[in-house]
């Protein structure tokens, strides 16, 4: 169940950060409320995941997946461009998350 909690935490982190961009510095009420509520759910779910998943592993997966997915969302939703070094760096982050999940003995699914 901890992995489900981590997946939910990642989803709400993505929602929260996307809404944070849309809030325009917390000047738009709807997006600001979504940001705050989503971060609350995100951190609660992350705390539940940490009952079983080691902190460093959970945080690496949570932040790494969030970085890559938000870069993709930023590209499509907010028309933010990514240059080749950014794409390569995101590829390394994604590779790190995959390596942790597939090869690390610290991670037990």
C-alpha atoms as a PDB file:
ATOM      1  CA  UNK A   1       0.000   0.000   0.000  1.00  0.00           C
ATOM      2  CA  UNK A   2       2.946   2.341   0.579  1.00  0.00           C
ATOM      3  CA  UNK A   3       3.646   2.455  -3.150  1.00  0.00           C
ATOM      4  CA  UNK A   4       0.046   3.462  -3.801  1.00  0.00           C
ATOM      5  CA  UNK A   5       0.425   6.247  -1.252  1.00  0.00           C
ATOM      6  CA  UNK A   6       3.615   7.380  -2.976  1.00  0.00           C
ATOM      7  CA  UNK A   7       1.902   7.365  -6.384  1.00  0.00           C
ATOM      8  CA  UNK A   8      -0.971   9.435  -4.970  1.00  0.00           C
ATOM      9  CA  UNK A   9       1.546  11.835  -3.399  1.00  0.00           C
ATOM     10  CA  UNK A  10       3.239  12.259  -6.781  1.00  0.00           C
ATOM     11  CA  UNK A  11      -0.097  12.927  -8.497  1.00  0.00           C
ATOM     12  CA  UNK A  12      -1.099  15.577  -5.971  1.00  0.00           C
ATOM     13  CA  UNK A  13       2.367  17.154  -6.077  1.00  0.00           C
ATOM     14  CA  UNK A  14       1.960  17.521  -9.835  1.00  0.00           C
ATOM     15  CA  UNK A  15      -1.525  19.010  -9.420  1.00  0.00           C
ATOM     16  CA  UNK A  16      -0.296  21.377  -6.691  1.00  0.00           C
ATOM     17  CA  UNK A  17       2.728  22.613  -8.591  1.00  0.00           C
ATOM     18  CA  UNK A  18       0.765  23.042 -11.814  1.00  0.00           C
ATOM     19  CA  UNK A  19      -1.855  25.024  -9.903  1.00  0.00           C
ATOM     20  CA  UNK A  20       0.930  27.033  -8.256  1.00  0.00           C
ATOM     21  CA  UNK A  21       2.038  28.156 -11.717  1.00  0.00           C
ATOM     22  CA  UNK A  22      -1.570  28.989 -12.592  1.00  0.00           C
ATOM     23  CA  UNK A  23      -2.093  30.896  -9.323  1.00  0.00           C
ATOM     24  CA  UNK A  24       0.134  33.712 -10.618  1.00  0.00           C
ATOM     25  CA  UNK A  25       1.820  34.314  -7.271  1.00  0.00           C
ATOM     26  CA  UNK A  26      -1.314  33.391  -5.284  1.00  0.00           C
ATOM     27  CA  UNK A  27      -3.296  36.176  -6.956  1.00  0.00           C
ATOM     28  CA  UNK A  28      -5.916  33.798  -8.390  1.00  0.00           C
ATOM     29  CA  UNK A  29      -8.095  32.346  -5.641  1.00  0.00           C
ATOM     30  CA  UNK A  30      -9.200  29.108  -7.336  1.00  0.00           C
ATOM     31  CA  UNK A  31      -5.715  28.029  -8.356  1.00  0.00           C
ATOM     32  CA  UNK A  32      -4.353  29.094  -4.955  1.00  0.00           C
ATOM     33  CA  UNK A  33      -6.888  26.929  -3.099  1.00  0.00           C
ATOM     34  CA  UNK A  34      -6.104  23.961  -5.359  1.00  0.00           C
ATOM     35  CA  UNK A  35      -2.391  24.493  -4.688  1.00  0.00           C
ATOM     36  CA  UNK A  36      -2.730  24.506  -0.899  1.00  0.00           C
ATOM     37  CA  UNK A  37      -5.211  21.616  -0.712  1.00  0.00           C
ATOM     38  CA  UNK A  38      -3.201  19.486  -3.131  1.00  0.00           C
ATOM     39  CA  UNK A  39       0.024  20.037  -1.203  1.00  0.00           C
ATOM     40  CA  UNK A  40      -1.726  19.055   2.033  1.00  0.00           C
ATOM     41  CA  UNK A  41      -2.945  15.801   0.462  1.00  0.00           C
ATOM     42  CA  UNK A  42       0.436  15.273  -1.198  1.00  0.00           C
ATOM     43  CA  UNK A  43       2.438  15.561   2.014  1.00  0.00           C
ATOM     44  CA  UNK A  44      -0.047  13.458   3.962  1.00  0.00           C
ATOM     45  CA  UNK A  45       0.208  10.677   1.375  1.00  0.00           C
ATOM     46  CA  UNK A  46       3.993  11.001   1.336  1.00  0.00           C
ATOM     47  CA  UNK A  47       4.032  10.654   5.129  1.00  0.00           C
ATOM     48  CA  UNK A  48       2.003   7.449   4.839  1.00  0.00           C
ATOM     49  CA  UNK A  49       4.378   6.104   2.199  1.00  0.00           C
ATOM     50  CA  UNK A  50       7.320   6.767   4.512  1.00  0.00           C
ATOM     51  CA  UNK A  51       5.982   4.195   6.971  1.00  0.00           C
ATOM     52  CA  UNK A  52       7.366   1.454   4.714  1.00  0.00           C
ATOM     53  CA  UNK A  53       9.600   3.111   2.100  1.00  0.00           C
ATOM     54  CA  UNK A  54      12.995   4.482   3.208  1.00  0.00           C
ATOM     55  CA  UNK A  55      13.104   8.289   3.229  1.00  0.00           C
ATOM     56  CA  UNK A  56      15.854   8.722   0.640  1.00  0.00           C
ATOM     57  CA  UNK A  57      14.253   6.283  -1.779  1.00  0.00           C
ATOM     58  CA  UNK A  58      10.757   7.734  -1.397  1.00  0.00           C
ATOM     59  CA  UNK A  59      12.019  11.274  -1.801  1.00  0.00           C
ATOM     60  CA  UNK A  60      14.149  10.408  -4.834  1.00  0.00           C
ATOM     61  CA  UNK A  61      11.187   8.785  -6.571  1.00  0.00           C
ATOM     62  CA  UNK A  62       8.715  11.481  -5.494  1.00  0.00           C
ATOM     63  CA  UNK A  63      10.897  14.395  -6.549  1.00  0.00           C
ATOM     64  CA  UNK A  64      12.362  12.725  -9.638  1.00  0.00           C
ATOM     65  CA  UNK A  65       9.006  11.674 -11.035  1.00  0.00           C
ATOM     66  CA  UNK A  66       7.590  15.102 -10.198  1.00  0.00           C
ATOM     67  CA  UNK A  67      10.430  16.920 -11.948  1.00  0.00           C
ATOM     68  CA  UNK A  68      10.117  14.916 -15.152  1.00  0.00           C
ATOM     69  CA  UNK A  69       6.327  14.989 -15.278  1.00  0.00           C
ATOM     70  CA  UNK A  70       6.144  18.706 -14.478  1.00  0.00           C
ATOM     71  CA  UNK A  71       8.676  19.484 -17.178  1.00  0.00           C
ATOM     72  CA  UNK A  72       6.433  17.663 -19.649  1.00  0.00           C
ATOM     73  CA  UNK A  73       3.333  19.447 -18.336  1.00  0.00           C
ATOM     74  CA  UNK A  74       5.150  22.793 -18.494  1.00  0.00           C
ATOM     75  CA  UNK A  75       6.085  22.101 -22.100  1.00  0.00           C
ATOM     76  CA  UNK A  76       2.537  21.276 -23.221  1.00  0.00           C
ATOM     77  CA  UNK A  77       0.367  23.326 -20.876  1.00  0.00           C
ATOM     78  CA  UNK A  78       2.472  26.462 -20.371  1.00  0.00           C
ATOM     79  CA  UNK A  79       4.473  26.351 -23.636  1.00  0.00           C
ATOM     80  CA  UNK A  80       7.776  26.302 -21.731  1.00  0.00           C
ATOM     81  CA  UNK A  81      10.605  25.158 -23.949  1.00  0.00           C
ATOM     82  CA  UNK A  82      13.261  22.615 -23.075  1.00  0.00           C
ATOM     83  CA  UNK A  83      16.707  22.777 -24.668  1.00  0.00           C
ATOM     84  CA  UNK A  84      18.887  19.732 -25.306  1.00  0.00           C
ATOM     85  CA  UNK A  85      20.822  19.949 -21.999  1.00  0.00           C
ATOM     86  CA  UNK A  86      17.522  20.150 -20.088  1.00  0.00           C
ATOM     87  CA  UNK A  87      16.160  17.120 -21.935  1.00  0.00           C
ATOM     88  CA  UNK A  88      19.367  15.171 -21.279  1.00  0.00           C
ATOM     89  CA  UNK A  89      19.267  16.119 -17.593  1.00  0.00           C
ATOM     90  CA  UNK A  90      15.631  15.065 -17.320  1.00  0.00           C
ATOM     91  CA  UNK A  91      16.588  11.793 -18.986  1.00  0.00           C
ATOM     92  CA  UNK A  92      19.228  11.212 -16.297  1.00  0.00           C
ATOM     93  CA  UNK A  93      16.662  11.915 -13.567  1.00  0.00           C
ATOM     94  CA  UNK A  94      14.219   9.486 -15.172  1.00  0.00           C
ATOM     95  CA  UNK A  95      16.970   6.889 -15.525  1.00  0.00           C
ATOM     96  CA  UNK A  96      17.801   7.305 -11.841  1.00  0.00           C
ATOM     97  CA  UNK A  97      14.201   6.704 -10.803  1.00  0.00           C
ATOM     98  CA  UNK A  98      14.033   3.609 -13.010  1.00  0.00           C
ATOM     99  CA  UNK A  99      17.355   2.258 -11.706  1.00  0.00           C
ATOM    100  CA  UNK A 100      16.214   2.702  -8.105  1.00  0.00           C
ATOM    101  CA  UNK A 101      12.923   0.928  -8.766  1.00  0.00           C
ATOM    102  CA  UNK A 102      14.292  -1.924 -10.853  1.00  0.00           C
ATOM    103  CA  UNK A 103      17.722  -2.670  -9.395  1.00  0.00           C
ATOM    104  CA  UNK A 104      17.897  -1.378  -5.813  1.00  0.00           C
ATOM    105  CA  UNK A 105      17.621  -3.986  -3.082  1.00  0.00           C
ATOM    106  CA  UNK A 106      16.522  -1.186  -0.745  1.00  0.00           C
ATOM    107  CA  UNK A 107      13.234  -1.020  -2.640  1.00  0.00           C
ATOM    108  CA  UNK A 108      10.790  -3.843  -2.055  1.00  0.00           C
ATOM    109  CA  UNK A 109       7.539  -3.786  -3.961  1.00  0.00           C
END
